[in-house]
């Protein structure tokens, strides 16, 4: 659902937001704010809903994520697995420096393919 604003993450005060862009079967889920224990279920729920429709590809844009904890990372891995189980190609688009650092520290750069998404 486009333009959903969720809860604030872990008390840091940065609003969490999910927007969805759809076109020709392609879905881009744009996440902003803190992706953590409080907000990661919202991402999983949103993507699960999108994958219940015909989807030819799924990209998660984490370019505006300001904080990512292990729960947020698990949510990204969960939606990746869910997409793969449905045969839907999955990529990360436009990761923030915070996300890039977490991926690097956890050795996930080879597992999670990334694309550079042009600004909207």
Protein backbone atom coordinates (compact mmCIF):
# COMPACT_ATOMS: atom_id res chain seq x y z
CA UNK A 1 0.00 0.00 0.00
CA UNK A 2 1.62 3.17 -1.12
CA UNK A 3 2.50 5.79 1.42
CA UNK A 4 2.11 3.75 4.58
CA UNK A 5 3.65 5.35 7.60
CA UNK A 6 4.44 2.95 10.37
CA UNK A 7 5.73 3.20 13.86
CA UNK A 8 8.80 4.95 15.08
CA UNK A 9 11.76 2.65 15.45
CA UNK A 10 13.37 1.82 18.79
CA UNK A 11 12.73 5.24 20.31
CA UNK A 12 15.14 7.19 18.10
CA UNK A 13 12.32 9.33 16.73
CA UNK A 14 12.90 8.85 12.99
CA UNK A 15 9.54 8.13 11.35
CA UNK A 16 9.33 4.87 9.46
CA UNK A 17 7.69 4.90 6.06
CA UNK A 18 7.02 2.42 3.27
CA UNK A 19 6.04 3.47 -0.24
CA UNK A 20 5.37 1.10 -3.11
CA UNK A 21 5.85 1.75 -6.82
CA UNK A 22 4.25 -0.71 -9.26
CA UNK A 23 4.45 -1.00 -13.01
CA UNK A 24 4.33 -3.84 -15.56
CA UNK A 25 4.52 -6.45 -12.81
CA UNK A 26 7.60 -4.85 -11.25
CA UNK A 27 7.37 -3.76 -7.64
CA UNK A 28 9.73 -1.41 -5.82
CA UNK A 29 9.24 -1.14 -2.06
CA UNK A 30 10.84 2.05 -0.75
CA UNK A 31 11.73 2.06 2.94
CA UNK A 32 12.65 5.16 4.93
CA UNK A 33 13.60 5.62 8.57
CA UNK A 34 14.59 2.97 11.06
CA UNK A 35 14.20 -0.68 10.13
CA UNK A 36 14.32 -2.45 13.48
CA UNK A 37 12.42 -4.72 15.88
CA UNK A 38 9.41 -2.38 15.94
CA UNK A 39 9.16 -1.77 12.19
CA UNK A 40 10.52 -4.87 10.46
CA UNK A 41 7.18 -6.76 10.69
CA UNK A 42 5.61 -3.91 8.70
CA UNK A 43 8.07 -4.48 5.85
CA UNK A 44 7.45 -8.23 5.83
CA UNK A 45 3.67 -7.69 5.86
CA UNK A 46 3.83 -5.15 3.03
CA UNK A 47 6.00 -7.34 0.81
CA UNK A 48 3.93 -10.45 1.55
CA UNK A 49 0.87 -8.53 0.37
CA UNK A 50 2.63 -7.44 -2.80
CA UNK A 51 3.80 -10.99 -3.54
CA UNK A 52 0.22 -12.24 -3.34
CA UNK A 53 -0.34 -10.43 -6.66
CA UNK A 54 1.32 -11.23 -9.99
CA UNK A 55 4.86 -9.83 -9.69
CA UNK A 56 7.68 -10.18 -12.23
CA UNK A 57 10.39 -8.61 -10.05
CA UNK A 58 10.80 -7.17 -6.57
CA UNK A 59 13.26 -4.50 -5.48
CA UNK A 60 13.64 -3.14 -1.98
CA UNK A 61 14.99 0.42 -1.90
CA UNK A 62 16.84 1.02 1.38
CA UNK A 63 18.44 4.31 0.36
CA UNK A 64 16.60 6.28 3.03
CA UNK A 65 17.07 3.80 5.88
CA UNK A 66 18.77 5.55 8.80
CA UNK A 67 19.15 2.58 11.15
CA UNK A 68 19.19 -1.18 10.57
CA UNK A 69 19.39 -3.74 13.37
CA UNK A 70 19.39 -7.54 13.25
CA UNK A 71 15.57 -7.62 13.11
CA UNK A 72 15.57 -5.35 10.09
CA UNK A 73 18.25 -7.44 8.43
CA UNK A 74 16.22 -10.58 9.13
CA UNK A 75 13.17 -8.90 7.54
CA UNK A 76 15.16 -8.19 4.37
CA UNK A 77 16.37 -11.80 4.25
CA UNK A 78 12.81 -13.04 4.86
CA UNK A 79 11.31 -11.06 2.00
CA UNK A 80 14.19 -12.18 -0.25
CA UNK A 81 13.45 -15.82 0.62
CA UNK A 82 9.71 -15.31 0.09
CA UNK A 83 10.34 -13.79 -3.35
CA UNK A 84 12.70 -16.61 -4.30
CA UNK A 85 10.17 -19.24 -3.21
CA UNK A 86 7.68 -17.65 -5.63
CA UNK A 87 10.25 -17.45 -8.42
CA UNK A 88 10.34 -13.65 -8.30
CA UNK A 89 13.74 -12.02 -8.90
CA UNK A 90 14.84 -9.93 -5.89
CA UNK A 91 17.30 -7.05 -5.68
CA UNK A 92 18.24 -4.33 -3.26
CA UNK A 93 18.14 -0.87 -4.76
CA UNK A 94 19.88 2.23 -3.55
CA UNK A 95 21.16 1.15 -0.13
CA UNK A 96 22.16 3.81 2.38
CA UNK A 97 25.60 3.99 3.96
CA UNK A 98 24.15 2.52 7.16
CA UNK A 99 22.69 -0.46 5.29
CA UNK A 100 25.88 -0.95 3.27
CA UNK A 101 27.90 -1.09 6.49
CA UNK A 102 25.57 -3.69 8.05
CA UNK A 103 25.69 -5.80 4.87
CA UNK A 104 29.49 -5.56 4.79
CA UNK A 105 29.86 -6.50 8.46
CA UNK A 106 27.60 -9.52 8.01
CA UNK A 107 29.17 -10.72 4.76
CA UNK A 108 25.92 -10.39 2.84
CA UNK A 109 27.07 -8.41 -0.19
CA UNK A 110 27.43 -11.56 -2.26
CA UNK A 111 24.05 -12.93 -1.17
CA UNK A 112 21.97 -9.80 -1.63
CA UNK A 113 22.35 -8.46 -5.15
CA UNK A 114 22.18 -4.69 -5.44
CA UNK A 115 21.29 -2.38 -8.27
CA UNK A 116 21.65 1.35 -8.48
CA UNK A 117 18.18 2.76 -8.75
CA UNK A 118 17.99 6.13 -10.43
CA UNK A 119 16.36 8.86 -8.35
CA UNK A 120 12.62 9.28 -8.96
